[in-house]
Amino acid sequence: MTKKLPSHGNPDWPPNEDVNQVQGLIDIITDNSGNYYTVYEITTYENKIEKVKLAHIMYDIAFASTFAMREIVDGYLDNHLGDFMLDVLNGHLRTLEICNRKIFSVQDFHDNKIEVEYWDMTQPPPEIPQAGWSFITEET
């Protein structure tokens, strides 16, 4: 069942060919256990990423989403919050695919000698704009 989420279409993000082209709040990172993460912080030196701080994607969606849009509220009445969050995640993954943005892994960071830290989920998120979330949905 497709939920009623507005489509943000193709944001025209350029493809990312290497791990040093990862952009915070746009790209999604995965691990060997099937978890997805948002890049919250990036430390660079001479155009090379030295360190990233990742937040679990569901944490990021939970704090990036508000229910101010009537069509979102109406589209998810009597459903679990998780249904909405999965639709946001899958829509964002589809947007990355449309834009030819690679989903890098935590292992890709380690292989490129990039330090990886994780956001403490017991803390509030940073006060930064959420740039990446898109709501493309498809009938299944």
C-alpha atoms as a PDB file:
ATOM      1  CA  MET A   1       0.000   0.000   0.000  1.00  0.00           C
ATOM      2  CA  THR A   2       1.419   3.369  -0.982  1.00  0.00           C
ATOM      3  CA  LYS A   3       0.990   6.135   1.529  1.00  0.00           C
ATOM      4  CA  LYS A   4       0.083   9.677   0.607  1.00  0.00           C
ATOM      5  CA  LEU A   5       3.405  11.510   0.685  1.00  0.00           C
ATOM      6  CA  PRO A   6       4.155  14.510  -1.513  1.00  0.00           C
ATOM      7  CA  SER A   7       6.909  13.883  -4.051  1.00  0.00           C
ATOM      8  CA  HIS A   8       9.891  16.176  -4.075  1.00  0.00           C
ATOM      9  CA  GLY A   9      10.884  14.790  -7.477  1.00  0.00           C
ATOM     10  CA  ASN A  10      14.488  14.693  -8.597  1.00  0.00           C
ATOM     11  CA  PRO A  11      16.549  17.191  -6.585  1.00  0.00           C
ATOM     12  CA  ASP A  12      19.280  16.923  -9.249  1.00  0.00           C
ATOM     13  CA  TRP A  13      22.061  15.902  -6.852  1.00  0.00           C
ATOM     14  CA  PRO A  14      25.253  15.100  -8.813  1.00  0.00           C
ATOM     15  CA  PRO A  15      26.486  11.482  -8.811  1.00  0.00           C
ATOM     16  CA  ASN A  16      29.085  10.572  -6.203  1.00  0.00           C
ATOM     17  CA  GLU A  17      31.856   8.360  -7.516  1.00  0.00           C
ATOM     18  CA  ASP A  18      34.050   8.153  -4.450  1.00  0.00           C
ATOM     19  CA  VAL A  19      33.619   8.096  -0.713  1.00  0.00           C
ATOM     20  CA  ASN A  20      35.122  11.605  -0.421  1.00  0.00           C
ATOM     21  CA  GLN A  21      32.079  12.965  -2.281  1.00  0.00           C
ATOM     22  CA  VAL A  22      29.692  11.925   0.495  1.00  0.00           C
ATOM     23  CA  GLN A  23      27.434  14.797   1.542  1.00  0.00           C
ATOM     24  CA  GLY A  24      25.873  15.170   4.945  1.00  0.00           C
ATOM     25  CA  LEU A  25      22.067  15.004   5.174  1.00  0.00           C
ATOM     26  CA  ILE A  26      21.861  13.721   1.583  1.00  0.00           C
ATOM     27  CA  ASP A  27      23.785  10.477   1.431  1.00  0.00           C
ATOM     28  CA  ILE A  28      22.894   7.320   3.276  1.00  0.00           C
ATOM     29  CA  ILE A  29      25.480   4.900   4.640  1.00  0.00           C
ATOM     30  CA  THR A  30      24.859   1.229   5.339  1.00  0.00           C
ATOM     31  CA  ASP A  31      26.593  -1.403   7.456  1.00  0.00           C
ATOM     32  CA  ASN A  32      26.961  -5.180   7.323  1.00  0.00           C
ATOM     33  CA  SER A  33      23.939  -5.659   9.597  1.00  0.00           C
ATOM     34  CA  GLY A  34      21.494  -3.879   7.274  1.00  0.00           C
ATOM     35  CA  ASN A  35      21.334  -0.631   9.240  1.00  0.00           C
ATOM     36  CA  TYR A  36      21.172   2.724   7.481  1.00  0.00           C
ATOM     37  CA  TYR A  37      22.746   5.937   8.697  1.00  0.00           C
ATOM     38  CA  THR A  38      22.699   9.644   7.909  1.00  0.00           C
ATOM     39  CA  VAL A  39      25.987  11.525   7.849  1.00  0.00           C
ATOM     40  CA  TYR A  40      25.619  14.193  10.555  1.00  0.00           C
ATOM     41  CA  GLU A  41      29.154  15.568  10.616  1.00  0.00           C
ATOM     42  CA  ILE A  42      32.095  15.453   8.218  1.00  0.00           C
ATOM     43  CA  THR A  43      35.663  16.492   9.031  1.00  0.00           C
ATOM     44  CA  THR A  44      37.860  17.060   5.973  1.00  0.00           C
ATOM     45  CA  TYR A  45      41.441  17.985   5.250  1.00  0.00           C
ATOM     46  CA  GLU A  46      42.588  18.963   1.740  1.00  0.00           C
ATOM     47  CA  ASN A  47      39.389  17.608   0.092  1.00  0.00           C
ATOM     48  CA  LYS A  48      39.700  14.249   1.826  1.00  0.00           C
ATOM     49  CA  ILE A  49      37.295  13.114   4.501  1.00  0.00           C
ATOM     50  CA  GLU A  50      39.089  12.300   7.743  1.00  0.00           C
ATOM     51  CA  LYS A  51      36.148  11.597  10.033  1.00  0.00           C
ATOM     52  CA  VAL A  52      32.380  11.175   9.851  1.00  0.00           C
ATOM     53  CA  LYS A  53      29.743  11.049  12.544  1.00  0.00           C
ATOM     54  CA  LEU A  54      26.750   8.902  11.651  1.00  0.00           C
ATOM     55  CA  ALA A  55      23.246   8.861  13.109  1.00  0.00           C
ATOM     56  CA  HIS A  56      20.868   5.949  12.694  1.00  0.00           C
ATOM     57  CA  ILE A  57      18.464   6.781   9.879  1.00  0.00           C
ATOM     58  CA  MET A  58      15.308   6.201  11.932  1.00  0.00           C
ATOM     59  CA  TYR A  59      16.585   8.613  14.584  1.00  0.00           C
ATOM     60  CA  ASP A  60      17.232  11.200  11.896  1.00  0.00           C
ATOM     61  CA  ILE A  61      13.827  10.721  10.262  1.00  0.00           C
ATOM     62  CA  ALA A  62      12.112  10.959  13.646  1.00  0.00           C
ATOM     63  CA  PHE A  63      13.681  14.337  14.378  1.00  0.00           C
ATOM     64  CA  ALA A  64      13.627  15.687  10.806  1.00  0.00           C
ATOM     65  CA  SER A  65       9.926  15.061  10.255  1.00  0.00           C
ATOM     66  CA  THR A  66       7.055  17.142  11.505  1.00  0.00           C
ATOM     67  CA  PHE A  67       3.403  16.479  11.000  1.00  0.00           C
ATOM     68  CA  ALA A  68       2.486  19.999   9.989  1.00  0.00           C
ATOM     69  CA  MET A  69       1.368  18.956   6.509  1.00  0.00           C
ATOM     70  CA  ARG A  70      -2.268  17.820   6.538  1.00  0.00           C
ATOM     71  CA  GLU A  71      -1.732  15.293   3.690  1.00  0.00           C
ATOM     72  CA  ILE A  72       0.907  13.482   5.743  1.00  0.00           C
ATOM     73  CA  VAL A  73      -1.290  13.313   8.821  1.00  0.00           C
ATOM     74  CA  ASP A  74      -4.299  12.165   6.795  1.00  0.00           C
ATOM     75  CA  GLY A  75      -2.245   9.601   4.867  1.00  0.00           C
ATOM     76  CA  TYR A  76      -1.056   7.894   8.051  1.00  0.00           C
ATOM     77  CA  LEU A  77      -4.101   7.953  10.318  1.00  0.00           C
ATOM     78  CA  ASP A  78      -4.519   4.606  12.075  1.00  0.00           C
ATOM     79  CA  ASN A  79      -1.029   3.458  10.978  1.00  0.00           C
ATOM     80  CA  HIS A  80       2.169   2.970  12.923  1.00  0.00           C
ATOM     81  CA  LEU A  81       4.731   5.752  12.999  1.00  0.00           C
ATOM     82  CA  GLY A  82       7.141   3.162  11.597  1.00  0.00           C
ATOM     83  CA  ASP A  83       5.059   2.950   8.391  1.00  0.00           C
ATOM     84  CA  PHE A  84       5.687   6.636   7.780  1.00  0.00           C
ATOM     85  CA  MET A  85       9.380   6.328   8.640  1.00  0.00           C
ATOM     86  CA  LEU A  86       9.880   3.374   6.280  1.00  0.00           C
ATOM     87  CA  ASP A  87       8.155   5.266   3.477  1.00  0.00           C
ATOM     88  CA  VAL A  88      10.477   8.234   4.027  1.00  0.00           C
ATOM     89  CA  LEU A  89      13.549   5.965   4.032  1.00  0.00           C
ATOM     90  CA  ASN A  90      12.485   4.059   0.920  1.00  0.00           C
ATOM     91  CA  GLY A  91      11.584   7.291  -0.859  1.00  0.00           C
ATOM     92  CA  HIS A  92      14.998   8.732  -0.066  1.00  0.00           C
ATOM     93  CA  LEU A  93      16.737   5.557  -1.259  1.00  0.00           C
ATOM     94  CA  ARG A  94      14.793   5.840  -4.518  1.00  0.00           C
ATOM     95  CA  THR A  95      15.831   9.483  -4.895  1.00  0.00           C
ATOM     96  CA  LEU A  96      19.500   8.538  -4.423  1.00  0.00           C
ATOM     97  CA  GLU A  97      19.069   5.867  -7.092  1.00  0.00           C
ATOM     98  CA  ILE A  98      17.490   8.365  -9.521  1.00  0.00           C
ATOM     99  CA  CYS A  99      20.412  10.757  -8.939  1.00  0.00           C
ATOM    100  CA  ASN A 100      23.001   7.957  -9.350  1.00  0.00           C
ATOM    101  CA  ARG A 101      24.342   8.510  -5.855  1.00  0.00           C
ATOM    102  CA  LYS A 102      26.137   5.481  -4.482  1.00  0.00           C
ATOM    103  CA  ILE A 103      25.220   4.204  -1.043  1.00  0.00           C
ATOM    104  CA  PHE A 104      28.565   3.729   0.638  1.00  0.00           C
ATOM    105  CA  SER A 105      29.158   1.394   3.547  1.00  0.00           C
ATOM    106  CA  VAL A 106      30.847   1.881   6.887  1.00  0.00           C
ATOM    107  CA  GLN A 107      33.457  -0.538   5.521  1.00  0.00           C
ATOM    108  CA  ASP A 108      34.131   1.866   2.607  1.00  0.00           C
ATOM    109  CA  PHE A 109      35.029   4.513   5.195  1.00  0.00           C
ATOM    110  CA  HIS A 110      37.317   2.114   7.061  1.00  0.00           C
ATOM    111  CA  ASP A 111      38.965   1.010   3.788  1.00  0.00           C
ATOM    112  CA  ASN A 112      39.719   4.682   3.038  1.00  0.00           C
ATOM    113  CA  LYS A 113      41.110   5.264   6.543  1.00  0.00           C
ATOM    114  CA  ILE A 114      38.182   7.484   7.513  1.00  0.00           C
ATOM    115  CA  GLU A 115      37.340   7.476  11.210  1.00  0.00           C
ATOM    116  CA  VAL A 116      33.713   6.633  11.954  1.00  0.00           C
ATOM    117  CA  GLU A 117      31.826   7.780  15.056  1.00  0.00           C
ATOM    118  CA  TYR A 118      28.150   7.298  15.884  1.00  0.00           C
ATOM    119  CA  TRP A 119      25.677   9.826  17.212  1.00  0.00           C
ATOM    120  CA  ASP A 120      24.493   9.103  20.758  1.00  0.00           C
ATOM    121  CA  MET A 121      20.773   8.408  20.301  1.00  0.00           C
ATOM    122  CA  THR A 122      20.058   9.473  23.875  1.00  0.00           C
ATOM    123  CA  GLN A 123      21.013  13.041  22.922  1.00  0.00           C
ATOM    124  CA  PRO A 124      18.979  15.547  20.908  1.00  0.00           C
ATOM    125  CA  PRO A 125      20.008  15.968  17.272  1.00  0.00           C
ATOM    126  CA  PRO A 126      22.144  18.898  16.164  1.00  0.00           C
ATOM    127  CA  GLU A 127      20.325  22.094  15.259  1.00  0.00           C
ATOM    128  CA  ILE A 128      20.880  21.852  11.514  1.00  0.00           C
ATOM    129  CA  PRO A 129      18.468  21.951   8.584  1.00  0.00           C
ATOM    130  CA  GLN A 130      17.406  18.614   7.164  1.00  0.00           C
ATOM    131  CA  ALA A 131      18.329  18.967   3.508  1.00  0.00           C
ATOM    132  CA  GLY A 132      17.941  15.524   2.108  1.00  0.00           C
ATOM    133  CA  TRP A 133      14.606  13.922   2.847  1.00  0.00           C
ATOM    134  CA  SER A 134      12.443  13.309  -0.161  1.00  0.00           C
ATOM    135  CA  PHE A 135       9.099  11.606  -0.326  1.00  0.00           C
ATOM    136  CA  ILE A 136       8.991   9.690  -3.604  1.00  0.00           C
ATOM    137  CA  THR A 137       6.672   6.740  -3.279  1.00  0.00           C
ATOM    138  CA  GLU A 138       5.732   4.087  -5.790  1.00  0.00           C
ATOM    139  CA  GLU A 139       2.831   1.682  -6.011  1.00  0.00           C
ATOM    140  CA  THR A 140       3.822  -1.888  -5.119  1.00  0.00           C
END
